Amino acid sequence: MHKLIKPSIGKELRELAPAFVKYSEDVLFGDVWRRENLSLRDRSLITVSALVSSENLNQLNYHLNLAKDNGLTEEELIEAITHLSFYVGWPRAASALDVAMKAFHQSS
């Protein structure tokens, strides 16, 4: 399994919502993401698909990069978003592809 990188949470959010940060770090990334029934790669693909489907694009940049760290290629992520376009809607997929294009150019 690849190493799971927890999101960088800023001081302001820690002060505003300490319980949210604690649950994110301890439960979500400390427990749920570390369960062995799915690989980190699979969890990343599921998470990216859920974010695209629900049009939660603010978190998509982070999770696209995490997906790459967890073994997915840019080509596989673009293919997943293209596939999703027929199930979740063209505008959602187009918006997600815009985020992906920016994320992939930043990491190159």
PDB file of N, CA and C in Angstrom:
ATOM      1  N   MET A   1       0.829  -1.188   0.000  1.00  0.00           N
ATOM      2  CA  MET A   1       0.000   0.000   0.000  1.00  0.00           C
ATOM      3  C   MET A   1       0.873   1.250   0.000  1.00  0.00           C
ATOM      4  N   HIS A   2       0.414   2.269  -0.678  1.00  0.00           N
ATOM      5  CA  HIS A   2       1.117   3.533  -0.677  1.00  0.00           C
ATOM      6  C   HIS A   2       0.883   4.232   0.659  1.00  0.00           C
ATOM      7  N   LYS A   3       1.762   5.139   0.965  1.00  0.00           N
ATOM      8  CA  LYS A   3       1.621   5.934   2.179  1.00  0.00           C
ATOM      9  C   LYS A   3       0.478   6.928   1.985  1.00  0.00           C
ATOM     10  N   LEU A   4      -0.382   7.028   2.978  1.00  0.00           N
ATOM     11  CA  LEU A   4      -1.493   7.973   2.919  1.00  0.00           C
ATOM     12  C   LEU A   4      -1.026   9.318   3.444  1.00  0.00           C
ATOM     13  N   ILE A   5      -1.196  10.335   2.648  1.00  0.00           N
ATOM     14  CA  ILE A   5      -0.807  11.682   3.040  1.00  0.00           C
ATOM     15  C   ILE A   5      -2.049  12.418   3.521  1.00  0.00           C
ATOM     16  N   LYS A   6      -2.023  12.804   4.788  1.00  0.00           N
ATOM     17  CA  LYS A   6      -3.160  13.550   5.337  1.00  0.00           C
ATOM     18  C   LYS A   6      -3.165  14.958   4.759  1.00  0.00           C
ATOM     19  N   PRO A   7      -4.355  15.529   4.599  1.00  0.00           N
ATOM     20  CA  PRO A   7      -4.417  16.890   4.069  1.00  0.00           C
ATOM     21  C   PRO A   7      -3.785  17.877   5.037  1.00  0.00           C
ATOM     22  N   SER A   8      -3.234  18.916   4.486  1.00  0.00           N
ATOM     23  CA  SER A   8      -2.673  19.985   5.306  1.00  0.00           C
ATOM     24  C   SER A   8      -3.819  20.869   5.771  1.00  0.00           C
ATOM     25  N   ILE A   9      -3.987  20.931   7.066  1.00  0.00           N
ATOM     26  CA  ILE A   9      -5.087  21.715   7.622  1.00  0.00           C
ATOM     27  C   ILE A   9      -4.497  22.938   8.294  1.00  0.00           C
ATOM     28  N   GLY A  10      -4.964  24.094   7.866  1.00  0.00           N
ATOM     29  CA  GLY A  10      -4.422  25.351   8.355  1.00  0.00           C
ATOM     30  C   GLY A  10      -4.816  25.665   9.787  1.00  0.00           C
ATOM     31  N   LYS A  11      -4.046  26.549  10.368  1.00  0.00           N
ATOM     32  CA  LYS A  11      -4.262  26.981  11.750  1.00  0.00           C
ATOM     33  C   LYS A  11      -5.654  27.584  11.940  1.00  0.00           C
ATOM     34  N   GLU A  12      -6.114  28.347  10.954  1.00  0.00           N
ATOM     35  CA  GLU A  12      -7.415  29.012  11.076  1.00  0.00           C
ATOM     36  C   GLU A  12      -8.552  28.003  11.208  1.00  0.00           C
ATOM     37  N   LEU A  13      -8.516  26.935  10.396  1.00  0.00           N
ATOM     38  CA  LEU A  13      -9.553  25.911  10.484  1.00  0.00           C
ATOM     39  C   LEU A  13      -9.437  25.146  11.803  1.00  0.00           C
ATOM     40  N   ARG A  14      -8.223  24.890  12.238  1.00  0.00           N
ATOM     41  CA  ARG A  14      -8.016  24.211  13.522  1.00  0.00           C
ATOM     42  C   ARG A  14      -8.642  25.012  14.663  1.00  0.00           C
ATOM     43  N   GLU A  15      -8.517  26.333  14.593  1.00  0.00           N
ATOM     44  CA  GLU A  15      -9.082  27.187  15.641  1.00  0.00           C
ATOM     45  C   GLU A  15     -10.603  27.290  15.507  1.00  0.00           C
ATOM     46  N   LEU A  16     -11.097  27.363  14.287  1.00  0.00           N
ATOM     47  CA  LEU A  16     -12.530  27.507  14.044  1.00  0.00           C
ATOM     48  C   LEU A  16     -13.299  26.237  14.366  1.00  0.00           C
ATOM     49  N   ALA A  17     -12.780  25.098  13.940  1.00  0.00           N
ATOM     50  CA  ALA A  17     -13.522  23.832  14.056  1.00  0.00           C
ATOM     51  C   ALA A  17     -12.586  22.707  14.509  1.00  0.00           C
ATOM     52  N   PRO A  18     -12.109  22.768  15.736  1.00  0.00           N
ATOM     53  CA  PRO A  18     -11.149  21.753  16.183  1.00  0.00           C
ATOM     54  C   PRO A  18     -11.710  20.331  16.161  1.00  0.00           C
ATOM     55  N   ALA A  19     -12.979  20.161  16.453  1.00  0.00           N
ATOM     56  CA  ALA A  19     -13.572  18.817  16.431  1.00  0.00           C
ATOM     57  C   ALA A  19     -13.604  18.279  14.999  1.00  0.00           C
ATOM     58  N   PHE A  20     -13.944  19.120  14.036  1.00  0.00           N
ATOM     59  CA  PHE A  20     -13.959  18.720  12.632  1.00  0.00           C
ATOM     60  C   PHE A  20     -12.573  18.243  12.204  1.00  0.00           C
ATOM     61  N   VAL A  21     -11.554  19.005  12.571  1.00  0.00           N
ATOM     62  CA  VAL A  21     -10.183  18.650  12.226  1.00  0.00           C
ATOM     63  C   VAL A  21      -9.793  17.334  12.893  1.00  0.00           C
ATOM     64  N   LYS A  22     -10.144  17.185  14.163  1.00  0.00           N
ATOM     65  CA  LYS A  22      -9.827  15.949  14.884  1.00  0.00           C
ATOM     66  C   LYS A  22     -10.493  14.746  14.214  1.00  0.00           C
ATOM     67  N   TYR A  23     -11.770  14.851  13.865  1.00  0.00           N
ATOM     68  CA  TYR A  23     -12.469  13.745  13.199  1.00  0.00           C
ATOM     69  C   TYR A  23     -11.850  13.462  11.828  1.00  0.00           C
ATOM     70  N   SER A  24     -11.486  14.516  11.105  1.00  0.00           N
ATOM     71  CA  SER A  24     -10.861  14.333   9.789  1.00  0.00           C
ATOM     72  C   SER A  24      -9.558  13.569   9.919  1.00  0.00           C
ATOM     73  N   GLU A  25      -8.725  13.988  10.856  1.00  0.00           N
ATOM     74  CA  GLU A  25      -7.412  13.371  11.005  1.00  0.00           C
ATOM     75  C   GLU A  25      -7.483  11.984  11.647  1.00  0.00           C
ATOM     76  N   ASP A  26      -8.262  11.876  12.724  1.00  0.00           N
ATOM     77  CA  ASP A  26      -8.279  10.623  13.492  1.00  0.00           C
ATOM     78  C   ASP A  26      -9.197   9.561  12.903  1.00  0.00           C
ATOM     79  N   VAL A  27     -10.398   9.961  12.498  1.00  0.00           N
ATOM     80  CA  VAL A  27     -11.376   8.979  12.028  1.00  0.00           C
ATOM     81  C   VAL A  27     -11.257   8.773  10.513  1.00  0.00           C
ATOM     82  N   LEU A  28     -11.405   9.853   9.739  1.00  0.00           N
ATOM     83  CA  LEU A  28     -11.406   9.698   8.285  1.00  0.00           C
ATOM     84  C   LEU A  28     -10.054   9.197   7.769  1.00  0.00           C
ATOM     85  N   PHE A  29      -8.991   9.975   8.032  1.00  0.00           N
ATOM     86  CA  PHE A  29      -7.683   9.589   7.498  1.00  0.00           C
ATOM     87  C   PHE A  29      -6.921   8.636   8.417  1.00  0.00           C
ATOM     88  N   GLY A  30      -7.263   8.602   9.691  1.00  0.00           N
ATOM     89  CA  GLY A  30      -6.588   7.719  10.623  1.00  0.00           C
ATOM     90  C   GLY A  30      -7.181   6.324  10.695  1.00  0.00           C
ATOM     91  N   ASP A  31      -8.466   6.192  10.349  1.00  0.00           N
ATOM     92  CA  ASP A  31      -9.130   4.893  10.446  1.00  0.00           C
ATOM     93  C   ASP A  31      -9.745   4.463   9.111  1.00  0.00           C
ATOM     94  N   VAL A  32     -10.703   5.220   8.608  1.00  0.00           N
ATOM     95  CA  VAL A  32     -11.450   4.806   7.414  1.00  0.00           C
ATOM     96  C   VAL A  32     -10.529   4.562   6.226  1.00  0.00           C
ATOM     97  N   TRP A  33      -9.641   5.481   5.934  1.00  0.00           N
ATOM     98  CA  TRP A  33      -8.740   5.331   4.788  1.00  0.00           C
ATOM     99  C   TRP A  33      -7.735   4.211   4.982  1.00  0.00           C
ATOM    100  N   ARG A  34      -7.524   3.763   6.194  1.00  0.00           N
ATOM    101  CA  ARG A  34      -6.521   2.736   6.473  1.00  0.00           C
ATOM    102  C   ARG A  34      -7.100   1.322   6.581  1.00  0.00           C
ATOM    103  N   ARG A  35      -8.402   1.201   6.426  1.00  0.00           N
ATOM    104  CA  ARG A  35      -9.014  -0.131   6.455  1.00  0.00           C
ATOM    105  C   ARG A  35      -8.463  -0.946   5.289  1.00  0.00           C
ATOM    106  N   GLU A  36      -8.291  -2.227   5.496  1.00  0.00           N
ATOM    107  CA  GLU A  36      -7.591  -3.054   4.512  1.00  0.00           C
ATOM    108  C   GLU A  36      -8.491  -3.684   3.454  1.00  0.00           C
ATOM    109  N   ASN A  37      -9.794  -3.520   3.552  1.00  0.00           N
ATOM    110  CA  ASN A  37     -10.702  -4.164   2.596  1.00  0.00           C
ATOM    111  C   ASN A  37     -10.631  -3.554   1.200  1.00  0.00           C
ATOM    112  N   LEU A  38     -10.164  -2.308   1.111  1.00  0.00           N
ATOM    113  CA  LEU A  38      -9.934  -1.649  -0.178  1.00  0.00           C
ATOM    114  C   LEU A  38      -8.535  -1.057  -0.158  1.00  0.00           C
ATOM    115  N   SER A  39      -7.901  -1.056  -1.300  1.00  0.00           N
ATOM    116  CA  SER A  39      -6.587  -0.418  -1.406  1.00  0.00           C
ATOM    117  C   SER A  39      -6.747   1.100  -1.383  1.00  0.00           C
ATOM    118  N   LEU A  40      -5.664   1.795  -1.100  1.00  0.00           N
ATOM    119  CA  LEU A  40      -5.701   3.260  -1.168  1.00  0.00           C
ATOM    120  C   LEU A  40      -6.039   3.714  -2.585  1.00  0.00           C
ATOM    121  N   ARG A  41      -5.549   2.992  -3.583  1.00  0.00           N
ATOM    122  CA  ARG A  41      -5.848   3.309  -4.980  1.00  0.00           C
ATOM    123  C   ARG A  41      -7.350   3.254  -5.227  1.00  0.00           C
ATOM    124  N   ASP A  42      -7.991   2.168  -4.764  1.00  0.00           N
ATOM    125  CA  ASP A  42      -9.439   2.033  -4.944  1.00  0.00           C
ATOM    126  C   ASP A  42     -10.191   3.118  -4.183  1.00  0.00           C
ATOM    127  N   ARG A  43      -9.764   3.396  -2.970  1.00  0.00           N
ATOM    128  CA  ARG A  43     -10.423   4.443  -2.179  1.00  0.00           C
ATOM    129  C   ARG A  43     -10.317   5.795  -2.877  1.00  0.00           C
ATOM    130  N   SER A  44      -9.163   6.062  -3.463  1.00  0.00           N
ATOM    131  CA  SER A  44      -8.993   7.323  -4.194  1.00  0.00           C
ATOM    132  C   SER A  44      -9.922   7.399  -5.396  1.00  0.00           C
ATOM    133  N   LEU A  45     -10.031   6.320  -6.156  1.00  0.00           N
ATOM    134  CA  LEU A  45     -10.910   6.317  -7.323  1.00  0.00           C
ATOM    135  C   LEU A  45     -12.364   6.526  -6.905  1.00  0.00           C
ATOM    136  N   ILE A  46     -12.768   5.877  -5.834  1.00  0.00           N
ATOM    137  CA  ILE A  46     -14.136   6.050  -5.318  1.00  0.00           C
ATOM    138  C   ILE A  46     -14.357   7.485  -4.869  1.00  0.00           C
ATOM    139  N   THR A  47     -13.390   8.036  -4.153  1.00  0.00           N
ATOM    140  CA  THR A  47     -13.532   9.400  -3.631  1.00  0.00           C
ATOM    141  C   THR A  47     -13.593  10.418  -4.757  1.00  0.00           C
ATOM    142  N   VAL A  48     -12.709  10.289  -5.734  1.00  0.00           N
ATOM    143  CA  VAL A  48     -12.736  11.205  -6.885  1.00  0.00           C
ATOM    144  C   VAL A  48     -14.079  11.093  -7.600  1.00  0.00           C
ATOM    145  N   SER A  49     -14.574   9.892  -7.794  1.00  0.00           N
ATOM    146  CA  SER A  49     -15.874   9.691  -8.453  1.00  0.00           C
ATOM    147  C   SER A  49     -16.999  10.336  -7.661  1.00  0.00           C
ATOM    148  N   ALA A  50     -16.969  10.192  -6.347  1.00  0.00           N
ATOM    149  CA  ALA A  50     -18.008  10.802  -5.505  1.00  0.00           C
ATOM    150  C   ALA A  50     -17.947  12.324  -5.570  1.00  0.00           C
ATOM    151  N   LEU A  51     -16.742  12.876  -5.553  1.00  0.00           N
ATOM    152  CA  LEU A  51     -16.602  14.332  -5.615  1.00  0.00           C
ATOM    153  C   LEU A  51     -17.080  14.880  -6.957  1.00  0.00           C
ATOM    154  N   VAL A  52     -16.733  14.195  -8.038  1.00  0.00           N
ATOM    155  CA  VAL A  52     -17.196  14.621  -9.362  1.00  0.00           C
ATOM    156  C   VAL A  52     -18.720  14.511  -9.434  1.00  0.00           C
ATOM    157  N   SER A  53     -19.266  13.399  -8.967  1.00  0.00           N
ATOM    158  CA  SER A  53     -20.706  13.154  -9.038  1.00  0.00           C
ATOM    159  C   SER A  53     -21.508  14.186  -8.263  1.00  0.00           C
ATOM    160  N   SER A  54     -20.974  14.581  -7.116  1.00  0.00           N
ATOM    161  CA  SER A  54     -21.705  15.528  -6.272  1.00  0.00           C
ATOM    162  C   SER A  54     -21.295  16.979  -6.527  1.00  0.00           C
ATOM    163  N   GLU A  55     -20.403  17.156  -7.479  1.00  0.00           N
ATOM    164  CA  GLU A  55     -19.899  18.477  -7.863  1.00  0.00           C
ATOM    165  C   GLU A  55     -19.267  19.219  -6.684  1.00  0.00           C
ATOM    166  N   ASN A  56     -18.558  18.470  -5.851  1.00  0.00           N
ATOM    167  CA  ASN A  56     -17.795  19.041  -4.741  1.00  0.00           C
ATOM    168  C   ASN A  56     -16.363  19.282  -5.203  1.00  0.00           C
ATOM    169  N   LEU A  57     -16.194  20.329  -5.974  1.00  0.00           N
ATOM    170  CA  LEU A  57     -14.928  20.561  -6.648  1.00  0.00           C
ATOM    171  C   LEU A  57     -13.862  21.177  -5.752  1.00  0.00           C
ATOM    172  N   ASN A  58     -14.257  21.761  -4.621  1.00  0.00           N
ATOM    173  CA  ASN A  58     -13.254  22.365  -3.736  1.00  0.00           C
ATOM    174  C   ASN A  58     -12.278  21.329  -3.197  1.00  0.00           C
ATOM    175  N   GLN A  59     -12.714  20.109  -2.999  1.00  0.00           N
ATOM    176  CA  GLN A  59     -11.861  19.049  -2.479  1.00  0.00           C
ATOM    177  C   GLN A  59     -11.207  18.224  -3.594  1.00  0.00           C
ATOM    178  N   LEU A  60     -11.627  18.431  -4.826  1.00  0.00           N
ATOM    179  CA  LEU A  60     -11.182  17.580  -5.927  1.00  0.00           C
ATOM    180  C   LEU A  60      -9.693  17.710  -6.211  1.00  0.00           C
ATOM    181  N   ASN A  61      -9.142  18.903  -6.187  1.00  0.00           N
ATOM    182  CA  ASN A  61      -7.721  19.101  -6.466  1.00  0.00           C
ATOM    183  C   ASN A  61      -6.873  18.244  -5.527  1.00  0.00           C
ATOM    184  N   TYR A  62      -7.142  18.332  -4.242  1.00  0.00           N
ATOM    185  CA  TYR A  62      -6.392  17.539  -3.259  1.00  0.00           C
ATOM    186  C   TYR A  62      -6.516  16.043  -3.563  1.00  0.00           C
ATOM    187  N   HIS A  63      -7.743  15.589  -3.825  1.00  0.00           N
ATOM    188  CA  HIS A  63      -7.960  14.155  -4.006  1.00  0.00           C
ATOM    189  C   HIS A  63      -7.429  13.640  -5.348  1.00  0.00           C
ATOM    190  N   LEU A  64      -7.357  14.478  -6.359  1.00  0.00           N
ATOM    191  CA  LEU A  64      -6.706  14.057  -7.607  1.00  0.00           C
ATOM    192  C   LEU A  64      -5.228  13.812  -7.373  1.00  0.00           C
ATOM    193  N   ASN A  65      -4.593  14.700  -6.632  1.00  0.00           N
ATOM    194  CA  ASN A  65      -3.170  14.523  -6.337  1.00  0.00           C
ATOM    195  C   ASN A  65      -2.937  13.341  -5.400  1.00  0.00           C
ATOM    196  N   LEU A  66      -3.820  13.154  -4.438  1.00  0.00           N
ATOM    197  CA  LEU A  66      -3.714  11.991  -3.555  1.00  0.00           C
ATOM    198  C   LEU A  66      -3.890  10.705  -4.367  1.00  0.00           C
ATOM    199  N   ALA A  67      -4.826  10.729  -5.318  1.00  0.00           N
ATOM    200  CA  ALA A  67      -5.046   9.556  -6.174  1.00  0.00           C
ATOM    201  C   ALA A  67      -3.773   9.209  -6.946  1.00  0.00           C
ATOM    202  N   LYS A  68      -3.078  10.215  -7.442  1.00  0.00           N
ATOM    203  CA  LYS A  68      -1.808   9.964  -8.130  1.00  0.00           C
ATOM    204  C   LYS A  68      -0.792   9.369  -7.159  1.00  0.00           C
ATOM    205  N   ASP A  69      -0.731   9.897  -5.952  1.00  0.00           N
ATOM    206  CA  ASP A  69       0.173   9.337  -4.940  1.00  0.00           C
ATOM    207  C   ASP A  69      -0.199   7.894  -4.605  1.00  0.00           C
ATOM    208  N   ASN A  70      -1.477   7.571  -4.746  1.00  0.00           N
ATOM    209  CA  ASN A  70      -1.967   6.227  -4.430  1.00  0.00           C
ATOM    210  C   ASN A  70      -1.962   5.288  -5.635  1.00  0.00           C
ATOM    211  N   GLY A  71      -1.311   5.703  -6.730  1.00  0.00           N
ATOM    212  CA  GLY A  71      -1.071   4.792  -7.836  1.00  0.00           C
ATOM    213  C   GLY A  71      -1.908   4.971  -9.076  1.00  0.00           C
ATOM    214  N   LEU A  72      -2.848   5.898  -9.073  1.00  0.00           N
ATOM    215  CA  LEU A  72      -3.620   6.162 -10.290  1.00  0.00           C
ATOM    216  C   LEU A  72      -2.836   7.115 -11.183  1.00  0.00           C
ATOM    217  N   THR A  73      -2.933   6.908 -12.477  1.00  0.00           N
ATOM    218  CA  THR A  73      -2.271   7.804 -13.419  1.00  0.00           C
ATOM    219  C   THR A  73      -3.220   8.935 -13.802  1.00  0.00           C
ATOM    220  N   GLU A  74      -2.660   9.983 -14.345  1.00  0.00           N
ATOM    221  CA  GLU A  74      -3.497  11.082 -14.845  1.00  0.00           C
ATOM    222  C   GLU A  74      -4.447  10.560 -15.917  1.00  0.00           C
ATOM    223  N   GLU A  75      -3.954   9.681 -16.765  1.00  0.00           N
ATOM    224  CA  GLU A  75      -4.785   9.128 -17.840  1.00  0.00           C
ATOM    225  C   GLU A  75      -5.970   8.347 -17.264  1.00  0.00           C
ATOM    226  N   GLU A  76      -5.733   7.562 -16.213  1.00  0.00           N
ATOM    227  CA  GLU A  76      -6.830   6.802 -15.594  1.00  0.00           C
ATOM    228  C   GLU A  76      -7.849   7.732 -14.946  1.00  0.00           C
ATOM    229  N   LEU A  77      -7.389   8.793 -14.333  1.00  0.00           N
ATOM    230  CA  LEU A  77      -8.307   9.743 -13.696  1.00  0.00           C
ATOM    231  C   LEU A  77      -9.139  10.484 -14.742  1.00  0.00           C
ATOM    232  N   ILE A  78      -8.517  10.876 -15.845  1.00  0.00           N
ATOM    233  CA  ILE A  78      -9.258  11.536 -16.930  1.00  0.00           C
ATOM    234  C   ILE A  78     -10.272  10.568 -17.522  1.00  0.00           C
ATOM    235  N   GLU A  79      -9.884   9.316 -17.686  1.00  0.00           N
ATOM    236  CA  GLU A  79     -10.809   8.304 -18.214  1.00  0.00           C
ATOM    237  C   GLU A  79     -11.995   8.102 -17.274  1.00  0.00           C
ATOM    238  N   ALA A  80     -11.733   8.087 -15.978  1.00  0.00           N
ATOM    239  CA  ALA A  80     -12.819   7.927 -14.999  1.00  0.00           C
ATOM    240  C   ALA A  80     -13.795   9.092 -15.090  1.00  0.00           C
ATOM    241  N   ILE A  81     -13.272  10.316 -15.186  1.00  0.00           N
ATOM    242  CA  ILE A  81     -14.141  11.492 -15.285  1.00  0.00           C
ATOM    243  C   ILE A  81     -14.917  11.468 -16.600  1.00  0.00           C
ATOM    244  N   THR A  82     -14.265  11.070 -17.690  1.00  0.00           N
ATOM    245  CA  THR A  82     -14.949  10.952 -18.980  1.00  0.00           C
ATOM    246  C   THR A  82     -16.072   9.932 -18.893  1.00  0.00           C
ATOM    247  N   HIS A  83     -15.793   8.793 -18.281  1.00  0.00           N
ATOM    248  CA  HIS A  83     -16.815   7.759 -18.102  1.00  0.00           C
ATOM    249  C   HIS A  83     -17.977   8.291 -17.264  1.00  0.00           C
ATOM    250  N   LEU A  84     -17.653   9.012 -16.207  1.00  0.00           N
ATOM    251  CA  LEU A  84     -18.698   9.560 -15.329  1.00  0.00           C
ATOM    252  C   LEU A  84     -19.596  10.572 -16.040  1.00  0.00           C
ATOM    253  N   SER A  85     -19.067  11.219 -17.066  1.00  0.00           N
ATOM    254  CA  SER A  85     -19.847  12.276 -17.734  1.00  0.00           C
ATOM    255  C   SER A  85     -21.201  11.773 -18.223  1.00  0.00           C
ATOM    256  N   PHE A  86     -21.278  10.509 -18.599  1.00  0.00           N
ATOM    257  CA  PHE A  86     -22.531   9.952 -19.100  1.00  0.00           C
ATOM    258  C   PHE A  86     -23.492   9.583 -17.981  1.00  0.00           C
ATOM    259  N   TYR A  87     -22.996   9.507 -16.769  1.00  0.00           N
ATOM    260  CA  TYR A  87     -23.830   9.110 -15.630  1.00  0.00           C
ATOM    261  C   TYR A  87     -24.174  10.266 -14.708  1.00  0.00           C
ATOM    262  N   VAL A  88     -23.278  11.249 -14.605  1.00  0.00           N
ATOM    263  CA  VAL A  88     -23.507  12.352 -13.664  1.00  0.00           C
ATOM    264  C   VAL A  88     -23.785  13.678 -14.357  1.00  0.00           C
ATOM    265  N   GLY A  89     -23.568  13.723 -15.662  1.00  0.00           N
ATOM    266  CA  GLY A  89     -23.839  14.947 -16.413  1.00  0.00           C
ATOM    267  C   GLY A  89     -22.578  15.567 -16.985  1.00  0.00           C
ATOM    268  N   TRP A  90     -22.748  16.042 -18.187  1.00  0.00           N
ATOM    269  CA  TRP A  90     -21.642  16.640 -18.927  1.00  0.00           C
ATOM    270  C   TRP A  90     -21.065  17.863 -18.215  1.00  0.00           C
ATOM    271  N   PRO A  91     -21.890  18.795 -17.725  1.00  0.00           N
ATOM    272  CA  PRO A  91     -21.323  19.972 -17.058  1.00  0.00           C
ATOM    273  C   PRO A  91     -20.486  19.620 -15.816  1.00  0.00           C
ATOM    274  N   ARG A  92     -20.921  18.643 -15.038  1.00  0.00           N
ATOM    275  CA  ARG A  92     -20.141  18.239 -13.865  1.00  0.00           C
ATOM    276  C   ARG A  92     -18.793  17.671 -14.286  1.00  0.00           C
ATOM    277  N   ALA A  93     -18.802  16.836 -15.297  1.00  0.00           N
ATOM    278  CA  ALA A  93     -17.545  16.254 -15.782  1.00  0.00           C
ATOM    279  C   ALA A  93     -16.643  17.343 -16.366  1.00  0.00           C
ATOM    280  N   ALA A  94     -17.230  18.268 -17.126  1.00  0.00           N
ATOM    281  CA  ALA A  94     -16.429  19.350 -17.711  1.00  0.00           C
ATOM    282  C   ALA A  94     -15.795  20.206 -16.616  1.00  0.00           C
ATOM    283  N   SER A  95     -16.541  20.490 -15.567  1.00  0.00           N
ATOM    284  CA  SER A  95     -15.992  21.256 -14.447  1.00  0.00           C
ATOM    285  C   SER A  95     -14.885  20.484 -13.745  1.00  0.00           C
ATOM    286  N   ALA A  96     -15.073  19.184 -13.584  1.00  0.00           N
ATOM    287  CA  ALA A  96     -14.057  18.346 -12.955  1.00  0.00           C
ATOM    288  C   ALA A  96     -12.806  18.277 -13.823  1.00  0.00           C
ATOM    289  N   LEU A  97     -12.972  18.210 -15.128  1.00  0.00           N
ATOM    290  CA  LEU A  97     -11.814  18.182 -16.029  1.00  0.00           C
ATOM    291  C   LEU A  97     -11.029  19.487 -15.958  1.00  0.00           C
ATOM    292  N   ASP A  98     -11.724  20.591 -15.757  1.00  0.00           N
ATOM    293  CA  ASP A  98     -11.056  21.876 -15.586  1.00  0.00           C
ATOM    294  C   ASP A  98     -10.185  21.846 -14.327  1.00  0.00           C
ATOM    295  N   VAL A  99     -10.713  21.313 -13.238  1.00  0.00           N
ATOM    296  CA  VAL A  99      -9.940  21.182 -11.994  1.00  0.00           C
ATOM    297  C   VAL A  99      -8.756  20.244 -12.220  1.00  0.00           C
ATOM    298  N   ALA A 100      -8.987  19.138 -12.913  1.00  0.00           N
ATOM    299  CA  ALA A 100      -7.923  18.164 -13.175  1.00  0.00           C
ATOM    300  C   ALA A 100      -6.805  18.787 -14.011  1.00  0.00           C
ATOM    301  N   MET A 101      -7.174  19.536 -15.032  1.00  0.00           N
ATOM    302  CA  MET A 101      -6.175  20.163 -15.891  1.00  0.00           C
ATOM    303  C   MET A 101      -5.274  21.089 -15.058  1.00  0.00           C
ATOM    304  N   LYS A 102      -5.875  21.865 -14.180  1.00  0.00           N
ATOM    305  CA  LYS A 102      -5.087  22.773 -13.337  1.00  0.00           C
ATOM    306  C   LYS A 102      -4.244  21.987 -12.337  1.00  0.00           C
ATOM    307  N   ALA A 103      -4.821  20.962 -11.737  1.00  0.00           N
ATOM    308  CA  ALA A 103      -4.092  20.154 -10.751  1.00  0.00           C
ATOM    309  C   ALA A 103      -2.899  19.454 -11.387  1.00  0.00           C
ATOM    310  N   PHE A 104      -3.086  18.898 -12.565  1.00  0.00           N
ATOM    311  CA  PHE A 104      -2.019  18.149 -13.213  1.00  0.00           C
ATOM    312  C   PHE A 104      -0.921  19.076 -13.722  1.00  0.00           C
ATOM    313  N   HIS A 105      -1.275  20.283 -14.134  1.00  0.00           N
ATOM    314  CA  HIS A 105      -0.253  21.237 -14.587  1.00  0.00           C
ATOM    315  C   HIS A 105       0.556  21.776 -13.419  1.00  0.00           C
ATOM    316  N   GLN A 106      -0.072  21.872 -12.236  1.00  0.00           N
ATOM    317  CA  GLN A 106       0.641  22.337 -11.040  1.00  0.00           C
ATOM    318  C   GLN A 106       1.645  21.297 -10.581  1.00  0.00           C
ATOM    319  N   SER A 107       1.287  20.013 -10.710  1.00  0.00           N
ATOM    320  CA  SER A 107       2.146  18.955 -10.182  1.00  0.00           C
ATOM    321  C   SER A 107       3.228  18.524 -11.172  1.00  0.00           C
ATOM    322  N   SER A 108       3.177  19.040 -12.388  1.00  0.00           N
ATOM    323  CA  SER A 108       4.186  18.648 -13.405  1.00  0.00           C
ATOM    324  C   SER A 108       5.466  19.414 -13.244  1.00  0.00           C
TER     325      SER A 108
END
